[in-house]
């Protein structure tokens, strides 16, 4: 049984995962369409922690540099109690060429950038509800 080449993919959800998938598939020459139920672009949460392995993956999507420019990088972190006493300092993994951790605002940086990158290179449909019986 021969397999047909994949030339088009429908991605359900326009969050980080959906947008990153669209970028990665686009690099392979696969056309994508993103269906996102929300009419407007709203982001929950205040930020994203990006460890070195995430930055390495984002580099494959050509967005790591922008994440580093827009975010705040540091080599590690410490957990403190209400009085400022440190009680834990977890070791950050090390990958050559990347900081121990990068923190970036979801709304103003990473998702906005991924969305903009997707919209300039792919077909994205916002405010779409899918009827699974017609797919």
C-alpha atoms as a PDB file:
ATOM      1  CA  UNK A   1       0.000   0.000   0.000  1.00  0.00           C
ATOM      2  CA  UNK A   2       1.508   3.308  -1.053  1.00  0.00           C
ATOM      3  CA  UNK A   3       1.047   6.414   1.013  1.00  0.00           C
ATOM      4  CA  UNK A   4       0.055   9.708  -0.511  1.00  0.00           C
ATOM      5  CA  UNK A   5       2.344  12.624   0.333  1.00  0.00           C
ATOM      6  CA  UNK A   6       0.937  15.048   2.875  1.00  0.00           C
ATOM      7  CA  UNK A   7       0.496  18.431   1.206  1.00  0.00           C
ATOM      8  CA  UNK A   8      -2.081  20.152   3.430  1.00  0.00           C
ATOM      9  CA  UNK A   9      -2.826  20.001   7.157  1.00  0.00           C
ATOM     10  CA  UNK A  10      -5.649  21.497   9.184  1.00  0.00           C
ATOM     11  CA  UNK A  11      -4.449  22.591  12.628  1.00  0.00           C
ATOM     12  CA  UNK A  12      -7.127  23.039  15.258  1.00  0.00           C
ATOM     13  CA  UNK A  13      -6.078  25.695  17.758  1.00  0.00           C
ATOM     14  CA  UNK A  14      -4.035  28.843  17.309  1.00  0.00           C
ATOM     15  CA  UNK A  15      -2.053  28.724  20.535  1.00  0.00           C
ATOM     16  CA  UNK A  16       1.684  28.228  20.818  1.00  0.00           C
ATOM     17  CA  UNK A  17       1.445  24.572  19.786  1.00  0.00           C
ATOM     18  CA  UNK A  18      -0.735  25.217  16.746  1.00  0.00           C
ATOM     19  CA  UNK A  19       1.341  28.148  15.552  1.00  0.00           C
ATOM     20  CA  UNK A  20       4.628  26.320  16.086  1.00  0.00           C
ATOM     21  CA  UNK A  21       3.246  23.330  14.185  1.00  0.00           C
ATOM     22  CA  UNK A  22       2.237  25.578  11.282  1.00  0.00           C
ATOM     23  CA  UNK A  23       5.714  27.090  11.132  1.00  0.00           C
ATOM     24  CA  UNK A  24       7.445  23.680  11.287  1.00  0.00           C
ATOM     25  CA  UNK A  25       5.205  22.136   8.618  1.00  0.00           C
ATOM     26  CA  UNK A  26       5.627  25.215   6.435  1.00  0.00           C
ATOM     27  CA  UNK A  27       9.384  24.713   6.538  1.00  0.00           C
ATOM     28  CA  UNK A  28       8.734  21.259   5.064  1.00  0.00           C
ATOM     29  CA  UNK A  29       6.627  22.731   2.268  1.00  0.00           C
ATOM     30  CA  UNK A  30       3.322  21.574   3.733  1.00  0.00           C
ATOM     31  CA  UNK A  31       0.468  24.070   3.504  1.00  0.00           C
ATOM     32  CA  UNK A  32      -1.401  24.632   6.735  1.00  0.00           C
ATOM     33  CA  UNK A  33      -4.649  26.171   7.807  1.00  0.00           C
ATOM     34  CA  UNK A  34      -5.234  27.060  11.440  1.00  0.00           C
ATOM     35  CA  UNK A  35      -8.765  27.082  12.794  1.00  0.00           C
ATOM     36  CA  UNK A  36      -9.109  28.993  16.064  1.00  0.00           C
ATOM     37  CA  UNK A  37     -12.469  29.436  17.777  1.00  0.00           C
ATOM     38  CA  UNK A  38     -11.600  32.783  19.410  1.00  0.00           C
ATOM     39  CA  UNK A  39     -12.438  35.837  17.343  1.00  0.00           C
ATOM     40  CA  UNK A  40      -9.767  38.018  18.890  1.00  0.00           C
ATOM     41  CA  UNK A  41      -6.287  37.315  20.131  1.00  0.00           C
ATOM     42  CA  UNK A  42      -6.354  36.923  23.892  1.00  0.00           C
ATOM     43  CA  UNK A  43      -3.632  35.341  25.942  1.00  0.00           C
ATOM     44  CA  UNK A  44      -3.903  33.986  29.462  1.00  0.00           C
ATOM     45  CA  UNK A  45      -1.050  34.087  31.941  1.00  0.00           C
ATOM     46  CA  UNK A  46       1.741  36.556  32.306  1.00  0.00           C
ATOM     47  CA  UNK A  47       4.703  34.737  30.874  1.00  0.00           C
ATOM     48  CA  UNK A  48       6.471  31.657  29.663  1.00  0.00           C
ATOM     49  CA  UNK A  49       9.616  30.087  31.056  1.00  0.00           C
ATOM     50  CA  UNK A  50      11.827  28.867  28.229  1.00  0.00           C
ATOM     51  CA  UNK A  51      14.563  26.437  29.279  1.00  0.00           C
ATOM     52  CA  UNK A  52      17.476  25.804  26.896  1.00  0.00           C
ATOM     53  CA  UNK A  53      15.843  22.779  25.238  1.00  0.00           C
ATOM     54  CA  UNK A  54      12.773  24.886  24.367  1.00  0.00           C
ATOM     55  CA  UNK A  55      14.993  27.635  22.956  1.00  0.00           C
ATOM     56  CA  UNK A  56      16.864  25.070  20.867  1.00  0.00           C
ATOM     57  CA  UNK A  57      13.530  23.864  19.431  1.00  0.00           C
ATOM     58  CA  UNK A  58      12.402  27.461  18.819  1.00  0.00           C
ATOM     59  CA  UNK A  59      15.670  28.045  16.977  1.00  0.00           C
ATOM     60  CA  UNK A  60      14.553  25.405  14.469  1.00  0.00           C
ATOM     61  CA  UNK A  61      11.476  27.575  13.879  1.00  0.00           C
ATOM     62  CA  UNK A  62      13.634  30.697  13.495  1.00  0.00           C
ATOM     63  CA  UNK A  63      12.049  32.423  16.494  1.00  0.00           C
ATOM     64  CA  UNK A  64      14.555  31.786  19.323  1.00  0.00           C
ATOM     65  CA  UNK A  65      16.559  34.934  18.573  1.00  0.00           C
ATOM     66  CA  UNK A  66      13.433  37.074  18.831  1.00  0.00           C
ATOM     67  CA  UNK A  67      12.400  35.329  22.063  1.00  0.00           C
ATOM     68  CA  UNK A  68      15.816  36.069  23.550  1.00  0.00           C
ATOM     69  CA  UNK A  69      15.652  39.703  22.385  1.00  0.00           C
ATOM     70  CA  UNK A  70      12.172  40.208  23.846  1.00  0.00           C
ATOM     71  CA  UNK A  71      12.653  38.132  26.998  1.00  0.00           C
ATOM     72  CA  UNK A  72      14.851  38.197  30.084  1.00  0.00           C
ATOM     73  CA  UNK A  73      17.607  35.612  30.260  1.00  0.00           C
ATOM     74  CA  UNK A  74      19.498  34.400  33.285  1.00  0.00           C
ATOM     75  CA  UNK A  75      21.556  31.371  34.267  1.00  0.00           C
ATOM     76  CA  UNK A  76      19.394  30.089  37.111  1.00  0.00           C
ATOM     77  CA  UNK A  77      16.873  30.973  39.764  1.00  0.00           C
ATOM     78  CA  UNK A  78      16.200  30.636  43.457  1.00  0.00           C
ATOM     79  CA  UNK A  79      13.025  30.045  45.424  1.00  0.00           C
ATOM     80  CA  UNK A  80      12.558  32.334  48.429  1.00  0.00           C
ATOM     81  CA  UNK A  81      10.064  32.562  51.258  1.00  0.00           C
ATOM     82  CA  UNK A  82       8.089  35.717  52.099  1.00  0.00           C
ATOM     83  CA  UNK A  83      11.064  37.130  54.010  1.00  0.00           C
ATOM     84  CA  UNK A  84      13.442  36.622  51.085  1.00  0.00           C
ATOM     85  CA  UNK A  85      15.255  33.604  52.530  1.00  0.00           C
ATOM     86  CA  UNK A  86      16.377  31.196  49.838  1.00  0.00           C
ATOM     87  CA  UNK A  87      15.223  27.654  50.351  1.00  0.00           C
ATOM     88  CA  UNK A  88      15.944  26.065  46.952  1.00  0.00           C
ATOM     89  CA  UNK A  89      18.134  26.745  43.944  1.00  0.00           C
ATOM     90  CA  UNK A  90      17.348  24.162  41.277  1.00  0.00           C
ATOM     91  CA  UNK A  91      20.107  23.560  38.755  1.00  0.00           C
ATOM     92  CA  UNK A  92      19.312  24.799  35.270  1.00  0.00           C
ATOM     93  CA  UNK A  93      20.231  22.462  32.426  1.00  0.00           C
ATOM     94  CA  UNK A  94      23.036  23.682  30.210  1.00  0.00           C
ATOM     95  CA  UNK A  95      23.009  23.613  26.422  1.00  0.00           C
ATOM     96  CA  UNK A  96      25.821  25.419  24.639  1.00  0.00           C
ATOM     97  CA  UNK A  97      24.737  28.729  23.177  1.00  0.00           C
ATOM     98  CA  UNK A  98      21.626  29.146  25.333  1.00  0.00           C
ATOM     99  CA  UNK A  99      21.021  30.720  28.745  1.00  0.00           C
ATOM    100  CA  UNK A 100      19.911  28.625  31.699  1.00  0.00           C
ATOM    101  CA  UNK A 101      16.430  30.131  31.388  1.00  0.00           C
ATOM    102  CA  UNK A 102      14.590  32.768  29.377  1.00  0.00           C
ATOM    103  CA  UNK A 103      11.337  34.358  30.532  1.00  0.00           C
ATOM    104  CA  UNK A 104       9.119  36.076  28.008  1.00  0.00           C
ATOM    105  CA  UNK A 105       5.725  37.813  28.130  1.00  0.00           C
ATOM    106  CA  UNK A 106       3.104  35.759  26.326  1.00  0.00           C
ATOM    107  CA  UNK A 107       0.933  38.630  25.181  1.00  0.00           C
ATOM    108  CA  UNK A 108       3.542  41.077  23.996  1.00  0.00           C
ATOM    109  CA  UNK A 109       6.201  38.767  22.678  1.00  0.00           C
ATOM    110  CA  UNK A 110       6.234  35.072  21.991  1.00  0.00           C
ATOM    111  CA  UNK A 111       2.674  34.339  20.932  1.00  0.00           C
ATOM    112  CA  UNK A 112       2.397  37.684  19.126  1.00  0.00           C
ATOM    113  CA  UNK A 113       5.567  36.882  17.213  1.00  0.00           C
ATOM    114  CA  UNK A 114       4.510  33.337  16.390  1.00  0.00           C
ATOM    115  CA  UNK A 115       1.111  34.601  15.264  1.00  0.00           C
ATOM    116  CA  UNK A 116       2.656  37.313  13.088  1.00  0.00           C
ATOM    117  CA  UNK A 117       5.107  34.841  11.585  1.00  0.00           C
ATOM    118  CA  UNK A 118       2.271  32.431  10.877  1.00  0.00           C
ATOM    119  CA  UNK A 119       0.034  35.081   9.343  1.00  0.00           C
ATOM    120  CA  UNK A 120       2.765  36.271   6.983  1.00  0.00           C
ATOM    121  CA  UNK A 121       3.515  32.773   5.726  1.00  0.00           C
ATOM    122  CA  UNK A 122       0.412  30.587   6.270  1.00  0.00           C
ATOM    123  CA  UNK A 123      -3.367  30.656   6.097  1.00  0.00           C
ATOM    124  CA  UNK A 124      -4.876  31.187   9.551  1.00  0.00           C
ATOM    125  CA  UNK A 125      -8.622  31.366  10.165  1.00  0.00           C
ATOM    126  CA  UNK A 126      -9.591  33.030  13.453  1.00  0.00           C
ATOM    127  CA  UNK A 127     -13.068  32.655  14.885  1.00  0.00           C
ATOM    128  CA  UNK A 128     -13.717  29.300  13.205  1.00  0.00           C
ATOM    129  CA  UNK A 129     -15.754  26.517  14.755  1.00  0.00           C
ATOM    130  CA  UNK A 130     -15.355  23.140  13.126  1.00  0.00           C
ATOM    131  CA  UNK A 131     -18.204  20.771  12.424  1.00  0.00           C
ATOM    132  CA  UNK A 132     -16.496  17.407  12.694  1.00  0.00           C
ATOM    133  CA  UNK A 133     -19.210  15.704  10.635  1.00  0.00           C
ATOM    134  CA  UNK A 134     -18.133  17.699   7.566  1.00  0.00           C
ATOM    135  CA  UNK A 135     -14.391  17.113   7.859  1.00  0.00           C
END
